């Protein structure tokens, strides 16, 4: 009873404004998926699209799918801890982004997505770790029967085989990892 009285006194002292204040409709964050405990948010998707951090993601649904796959792969990468990428490699990737967008545009995109430059650098670092892990895991994908084929054909077929192996591997990761895709509901 005492607690109720204290609460009523506090509300009265505020003039009832705490109770009567109109809530502002401001979306702080929207979780689109949870991949093995790691959230994929709308801000992640829109920021990644705007900075071209994910390939071929003009459509938001495609971007979300790619971020779910990225989270799956990153979860596996974290288990095996490939070597840290050199700071220069991160700087080079950041320079590529700066080559596409002005500093003002980058700052606006980061602010809109709730990113900082440190978070962007961490994202790039993770991308480089993923690339290193995939190169290591799927290095020997060439078919030896193609040795006499034209180099361009051999490279294309090797790349297709690697992409197929990675797709199968990611499908297996999907089966083994709890994923809640809220955006599809």
C-alpha atoms as a PDB file:
ATOM      1  CA  UNK A   1       0.000   0.000   0.000  1.00  0.00           C
ATOM      2  CA  UNK A   2       2.874   2.288   0.840  1.00  0.00           C
ATOM      3  CA  UNK A   3       4.401   1.764  -2.635  1.00  0.00           C
ATOM      4  CA  UNK A   4       1.140   2.690  -4.352  1.00  0.00           C
ATOM      5  CA  UNK A   5       0.929   5.890  -2.310  1.00  0.00           C
ATOM      6  CA  UNK A   6       4.522   6.811  -3.142  1.00  0.00           C
ATOM      7  CA  UNK A   7       3.835   6.214  -6.860  1.00  0.00           C
ATOM      8  CA  UNK A   8       0.676   8.359  -6.734  1.00  0.00           C
ATOM      9  CA  UNK A   9       2.518  11.154  -4.949  1.00  0.00           C
ATOM     10  CA  UNK A  10       5.271  11.054  -7.586  1.00  0.00           C
ATOM     11  CA  UNK A  11       2.738  11.199 -10.422  1.00  0.00           C
ATOM     12  CA  UNK A  12       0.902  14.068  -8.759  1.00  0.00           C
ATOM     13  CA  UNK A  13       4.154  15.975  -8.247  1.00  0.00           C
ATOM     14  CA  UNK A  14       4.893  15.663 -11.933  1.00  0.00           C
ATOM     15  CA  UNK A  15       1.481  17.071 -12.717  1.00  0.00           C
ATOM     16  CA  UNK A  16       0.405  13.786 -14.196  1.00  0.00           C
ATOM     17  CA  UNK A  17       2.600  14.476 -17.216  1.00  0.00           C
ATOM     18  CA  UNK A  18       4.334  11.122 -16.944  1.00  0.00           C
ATOM     19  CA  UNK A  19       1.017   9.355 -17.328  1.00  0.00           C
ATOM     20  CA  UNK A  20      -0.586  11.686 -19.848  1.00  0.00           C
ATOM     21  CA  UNK A  21       2.421  12.231 -22.115  1.00  0.00           C
ATOM     22  CA  UNK A  22       1.781  11.063 -25.637  1.00  0.00           C
ATOM     23  CA  UNK A  23       4.186   8.310 -26.682  1.00  0.00           C
ATOM     24  CA  UNK A  24       6.271   9.206 -29.697  1.00  0.00           C
ATOM     25  CA  UNK A  25       6.217   6.620 -32.440  1.00  0.00           C
ATOM     26  CA  UNK A  26       9.928   6.235 -33.015  1.00  0.00           C
ATOM     27  CA  UNK A  27      11.341   2.942 -34.148  1.00  0.00           C
ATOM     28  CA  UNK A  28      14.569   2.476 -32.244  1.00  0.00           C
ATOM     29  CA  UNK A  29      15.546  -0.842 -33.782  1.00  0.00           C
ATOM     30  CA  UNK A  30      13.866  -3.732 -35.480  1.00  0.00           C
ATOM     31  CA  UNK A  31      15.258  -7.214 -35.110  1.00  0.00           C
ATOM     32  CA  UNK A  32      14.728  -9.111 -38.337  1.00  0.00           C
ATOM     33  CA  UNK A  33      16.362 -12.399 -37.420  1.00  0.00           C
ATOM     34  CA  UNK A  34      18.241 -14.082 -34.630  1.00  0.00           C
ATOM     35  CA  UNK A  35      20.976 -16.411 -35.835  1.00  0.00           C
ATOM     36  CA  UNK A  36      22.428 -18.601 -33.114  1.00  0.00           C
ATOM     37  CA  UNK A  37      21.797 -15.843 -30.577  1.00  0.00           C
ATOM     38  CA  UNK A  38      23.165 -13.046 -32.799  1.00  0.00           C
ATOM     39  CA  UNK A  39      20.637 -10.406 -33.906  1.00  0.00           C
ATOM     40  CA  UNK A  40      20.308  -9.198 -37.485  1.00  0.00           C
ATOM     41  CA  UNK A  41      18.630  -5.802 -37.463  1.00  0.00           C
ATOM     42  CA  UNK A  42      16.968  -3.526 -39.958  1.00  0.00           C
ATOM     43  CA  UNK A  43      19.735  -0.988 -39.313  1.00  0.00           C
ATOM     44  CA  UNK A  44      22.336  -3.643 -40.185  1.00  0.00           C
ATOM     45  CA  UNK A  45      20.561  -4.373 -43.462  1.00  0.00           C
ATOM     46  CA  UNK A  46      20.030  -0.770 -44.549  1.00  0.00           C
ATOM     47  CA  UNK A  47      23.531   0.308 -43.532  1.00  0.00           C
ATOM     48  CA  UNK A  48      25.133  -2.674 -45.275  1.00  0.00           C
ATOM     49  CA  UNK A  49      23.122  -1.881 -48.418  1.00  0.00           C
ATOM     50  CA  UNK A  50      23.973   1.811 -48.379  1.00  0.00           C
ATOM     51  CA  UNK A  51      27.704   1.126 -47.927  1.00  0.00           C
ATOM     52  CA  UNK A  52      27.711  -1.821 -50.379  1.00  0.00           C
ATOM     53  CA  UNK A  53      29.008  -4.118 -47.648  1.00  0.00           C
ATOM     54  CA  UNK A  54      27.006  -7.021 -49.014  1.00  0.00           C
ATOM     55  CA  UNK A  55      27.148  -8.010 -52.671  1.00  0.00           C
ATOM     56  CA  UNK A  56      24.205  -7.669 -55.008  1.00  0.00           C
ATOM     57  CA  UNK A  57      21.742  -6.597 -52.339  1.00  0.00           C
ATOM     58  CA  UNK A  58      19.577  -4.004 -54.055  1.00  0.00           C
ATOM     59  CA  UNK A  59      16.467  -5.647 -52.569  1.00  0.00           C
ATOM     60  CA  UNK A  60      16.029  -5.520 -48.779  1.00  0.00           C
ATOM     61  CA  UNK A  61      14.894  -9.155 -48.640  1.00  0.00           C
ATOM     62  CA  UNK A  62      18.055 -10.248 -50.449  1.00  0.00           C
ATOM     63  CA  UNK A  63      20.130  -8.125 -48.074  1.00  0.00           C
ATOM     64  CA  UNK A  64      18.498  -9.750 -45.058  1.00  0.00           C
ATOM     65  CA  UNK A  65      19.102 -13.254 -46.443  1.00  0.00           C
ATOM     66  CA  UNK A  66      22.738 -12.373 -47.052  1.00  0.00           C
ATOM     67  CA  UNK A  67      23.099 -11.011 -43.522  1.00  0.00           C
ATOM     68  CA  UNK A  68      21.571 -14.196 -42.078  1.00  0.00           C
ATOM     69  CA  UNK A  69      24.095 -16.223 -44.086  1.00  0.00           C
ATOM     70  CA  UNK A  70      26.884 -13.865 -43.007  1.00  0.00           C
ATOM     71  CA  UNK A  71      25.929 -14.389 -39.361  1.00  0.00           C
ATOM     72  CA  UNK A  72      25.940 -18.169 -39.878  1.00  0.00           C
ATOM     73  CA  UNK A  73      29.378 -18.104 -41.473  1.00  0.00           C
ATOM     74  CA  UNK A  74      30.746 -15.636 -38.917  1.00  0.00           C
ATOM     75  CA  UNK A  75      29.571 -17.929 -36.140  1.00  0.00           C
ATOM     76  CA  UNK A  76      31.614 -20.732 -37.695  1.00  0.00           C
ATOM     77  CA  UNK A  77      34.592 -18.441 -38.298  1.00  0.00           C
ATOM     78  CA  UNK A  78      34.541 -17.441 -34.632  1.00  0.00           C
ATOM     79  CA  UNK A  79      34.800 -21.110 -33.676  1.00  0.00           C
ATOM     80  CA  UNK A  80      38.034 -21.593 -35.642  1.00  0.00           C
ATOM     81  CA  UNK A  81      39.552 -18.124 -35.233  1.00  0.00           C
ATOM     82  CA  UNK A  82      41.474 -17.469 -38.463  1.00  0.00           C
ATOM     83  CA  UNK A  83      44.378 -15.024 -38.185  1.00  0.00           C
ATOM     84  CA  UNK A  84      43.549 -11.368 -37.722  1.00  0.00           C
ATOM     85  CA  UNK A  85      43.616  -9.400 -40.963  1.00  0.00           C
ATOM     86  CA  UNK A  86      46.332  -6.759 -41.219  1.00  0.00           C
ATOM     87  CA  UNK A  87      45.238  -3.244 -40.283  1.00  0.00           C
ATOM     88  CA  UNK A  88      46.262  -2.132 -43.789  1.00  0.00           C
ATOM     89  CA  UNK A  89      43.715  -4.520 -45.341  1.00  0.00           C
ATOM     90  CA  UNK A  90      40.968  -2.962 -43.227  1.00  0.00           C
ATOM     91  CA  UNK A  91      42.183   0.524 -44.187  1.00  0.00           C
ATOM     92  CA  UNK A  92      42.158  -0.480 -47.874  1.00  0.00           C
ATOM     93  CA  UNK A  93      38.540  -1.696 -47.685  1.00  0.00           C
ATOM     94  CA  UNK A  94      37.560   1.486 -45.869  1.00  0.00           C
ATOM     95  CA  UNK A  95      39.288   3.487 -48.618  1.00  0.00           C
ATOM     96  CA  UNK A  96      37.194   1.604 -51.218  1.00  0.00           C
ATOM     97  CA  UNK A  97      34.038   2.756 -49.433  1.00  0.00           C
ATOM     98  CA  UNK A  98      35.404   6.307 -49.258  1.00  0.00           C
ATOM     99  CA  UNK A  99      36.094   6.090 -52.983  1.00  0.00           C
ATOM    100  CA  UNK A 100      32.390   5.413 -53.625  1.00  0.00           C
ATOM    101  CA  UNK A 101      30.895   7.823 -51.094  1.00  0.00           C
ATOM    102  CA  UNK A 102      31.856  11.194 -49.654  1.00  0.00           C
ATOM    103  CA  UNK A 103      32.758  11.545 -45.978  1.00  0.00           C
ATOM    104  CA  UNK A 104      29.442  13.343 -45.410  1.00  0.00           C
ATOM    105  CA  UNK A 105      27.497  10.517 -47.063  1.00  0.00           C
ATOM    106  CA  UNK A 106      29.335   7.898 -45.005  1.00  0.00           C
ATOM    107  CA  UNK A 107      28.724   9.856 -41.800  1.00  0.00           C
ATOM    108  CA  UNK A 108      25.010  10.162 -42.619  1.00  0.00           C
ATOM    109  CA  UNK A 109      24.675   6.442 -43.371  1.00  0.00           C
ATOM    110  CA  UNK A 110      26.544   5.481 -40.206  1.00  0.00           C
ATOM    111  CA  UNK A 111      24.437   7.835 -38.079  1.00  0.00           C
ATOM    112  CA  UNK A 112      21.183   6.588 -39.612  1.00  0.00           C
ATOM    113  CA  UNK A 113      22.142   2.992 -38.876  1.00  0.00           C
ATOM    114  CA  UNK A 114      23.531   3.649 -35.416  1.00  0.00           C
ATOM    115  CA  UNK A 115      27.001   2.622 -36.566  1.00  0.00           C
ATOM    116  CA  UNK A 116      30.269   4.213 -35.574  1.00  0.00           C
ATOM    117  CA  UNK A 117      33.450   4.104 -37.595  1.00  0.00           C
ATOM    118  CA  UNK A 118      34.751   1.542 -35.086  1.00  0.00           C
ATOM    119  CA  UNK A 119      31.747  -0.671 -35.787  1.00  0.00           C
ATOM    120  CA  UNK A 120      32.273  -0.258 -39.529  1.00  0.00           C
ATOM    121  CA  UNK A 121      35.939  -1.243 -39.111  1.00  0.00           C
ATOM    122  CA  UNK A 122      34.846  -4.286 -37.068  1.00  0.00           C
ATOM    123  CA  UNK A 123      32.397  -5.232 -39.847  1.00  0.00           C
ATOM    124  CA  UNK A 124      35.166  -4.973 -42.448  1.00  0.00           C
ATOM    125  CA  UNK A 125      37.490  -6.960 -40.161  1.00  0.00           C
ATOM    126  CA  UNK A 126      34.865  -9.712 -39.923  1.00  0.00           C
ATOM    127  CA  UNK A 127      34.420  -9.697 -43.712  1.00  0.00           C
ATOM    128  CA  UNK A 128      38.157 -10.180 -44.142  1.00  0.00           C
ATOM    129  CA  UNK A 129      38.179 -12.961 -41.554  1.00  0.00           C
ATOM    130  CA  UNK A 130      35.310 -14.664 -43.400  1.00  0.00           C
ATOM    131  CA  UNK A 131      37.170 -14.395 -46.720  1.00  0.00           C
ATOM    132  CA  UNK A 132      40.324 -15.818 -45.151  1.00  0.00           C
ATOM    133  CA  UNK A 133      38.399 -18.700 -43.590  1.00  0.00           C
ATOM    134  CA  UNK A 134      36.606 -19.541 -46.860  1.00  0.00           C
ATOM    135  CA  UNK A 135      39.885 -19.388 -48.794  1.00  0.00           C
ATOM    136  CA  UNK A 136      41.445 -21.778 -46.322  1.00  0.00           C
ATOM    137  CA  UNK A 137      38.500 -24.157 -46.085  1.00  0.00           C
ATOM    138  CA  UNK A 138      37.656 -24.260 -49.793  1.00  0.00           C
ATOM    139  CA  UNK A 139      41.111 -23.793 -51.338  1.00  0.00           C
ATOM    140  CA  UNK A 140      41.392 -27.136 -53.097  1.00  0.00           C
ATOM    141  CA  UNK A 141      38.212 -27.106 -55.158  1.00  0.00           C
ATOM    142  CA  UNK A 142      39.742 -27.437 -58.611  1.00  0.00           C
ATOM    143  CA  UNK A 143      38.932 -30.541 -60.583  1.00  0.00           C
ATOM    144  CA  UNK A 144      42.216 -32.175 -61.597  1.00  0.00           C
ATOM    145  CA  UNK A 145      40.649 -33.533 -64.792  1.00  0.00           C
ATOM    146  CA  UNK A 146      40.509 -29.941 -66.070  1.00  0.00           C
ATOM    147  CA  UNK A 147      44.273 -29.390 -66.046  1.00  0.00           C
ATOM    148  CA  UNK A 148      44.429 -29.226 -69.841  1.00  0.00           C
ATOM    149  CA  UNK A 149      41.423 -26.894 -70.161  1.00  0.00           C
ATOM    150  CA  UNK A 150      41.896 -23.238 -70.995  1.00  0.00           C
ATOM    151  CA  UNK A 151      42.905 -21.218 -67.920  1.00  0.00           C
ATOM    152  CA  UNK A 152      39.768 -19.045 -68.112  1.00  0.00           C
ATOM    153  CA  UNK A 153      37.512 -22.094 -68.272  1.00  0.00           C
ATOM    154  CA  UNK A 154      39.390 -23.763 -65.448  1.00  0.00           C
ATOM    155  CA  UNK A 155      39.071 -20.658 -63.269  1.00  0.00           C
ATOM    156  CA  UNK A 156      35.361 -20.275 -64.011  1.00  0.00           C
ATOM    157  CA  UNK A 157      34.601 -23.933 -63.301  1.00  0.00           C
ATOM    158  CA  UNK A 158      36.718 -23.841 -60.159  1.00  0.00           C
ATOM    159  CA  UNK A 159      34.871 -20.729 -58.959  1.00  0.00           C
ATOM    160  CA  UNK A 160      31.509 -22.370 -59.708  1.00  0.00           C
ATOM    161  CA  UNK A 161      32.517 -25.503 -57.825  1.00  0.00           C
ATOM    162  CA  UNK A 162      33.736 -23.426 -54.887  1.00  0.00           C
ATOM    163  CA  UNK A 163      30.472 -21.453 -54.833  1.00  0.00           C
ATOM    164  CA  UNK A 164      28.511 -24.703 -54.903  1.00  0.00           C
ATOM    165  CA  UNK A 165      30.543 -26.171 -52.040  1.00  0.00           C
ATOM    166  CA  UNK A 166      30.101 -22.999 -49.994  1.00  0.00           C
ATOM    167  CA  UNK A 167      26.339 -22.979 -50.678  1.00  0.00           C
ATOM    168  CA  UNK A 168      26.083 -26.608 -49.509  1.00  0.00           C
ATOM    169  CA  UNK A 169      28.135 -25.790 -46.430  1.00  0.00           C
ATOM    170  CA  UNK A 170      25.949 -22.753 -45.578  1.00  0.00           C
ATOM    171  CA  UNK A 171      22.822 -24.909 -46.026  1.00  0.00           C
ATOM    172  CA  UNK A 172      24.325 -27.348 -43.517  1.00  0.00           C
ATOM    173  CA  UNK A 173      25.057 -24.450 -41.132  1.00  0.00           C
ATOM    174  CA  UNK A 174      21.391 -23.420 -41.465  1.00  0.00           C
ATOM    175  CA  UNK A 175      20.288 -26.916 -40.472  1.00  0.00           C
ATOM    176  CA  UNK A 176      22.594 -26.951 -37.428  1.00  0.00           C
ATOM    177  CA  UNK A 177      21.978 -23.415 -36.145  1.00  0.00           C
ATOM    178  CA  UNK A 178      18.823 -22.102 -34.509  1.00  0.00           C
ATOM    179  CA  UNK A 179      17.506 -19.260 -36.673  1.00  0.00           C
ATOM    180  CA  UNK A 180      14.448 -17.166 -35.905  1.00  0.00           C
ATOM    181  CA  UNK A 181      13.492 -15.131 -38.964  1.00  0.00           C
ATOM    182  CA  UNK A 182      11.074 -12.542 -37.619  1.00  0.00           C
ATOM    183  CA  UNK A 183      10.939 -10.589 -40.869  1.00  0.00           C
ATOM    184  CA  UNK A 184       9.217 -13.493 -42.672  1.00  0.00           C
ATOM    185  CA  UNK A 185       6.300 -13.607 -40.235  1.00  0.00           C
END
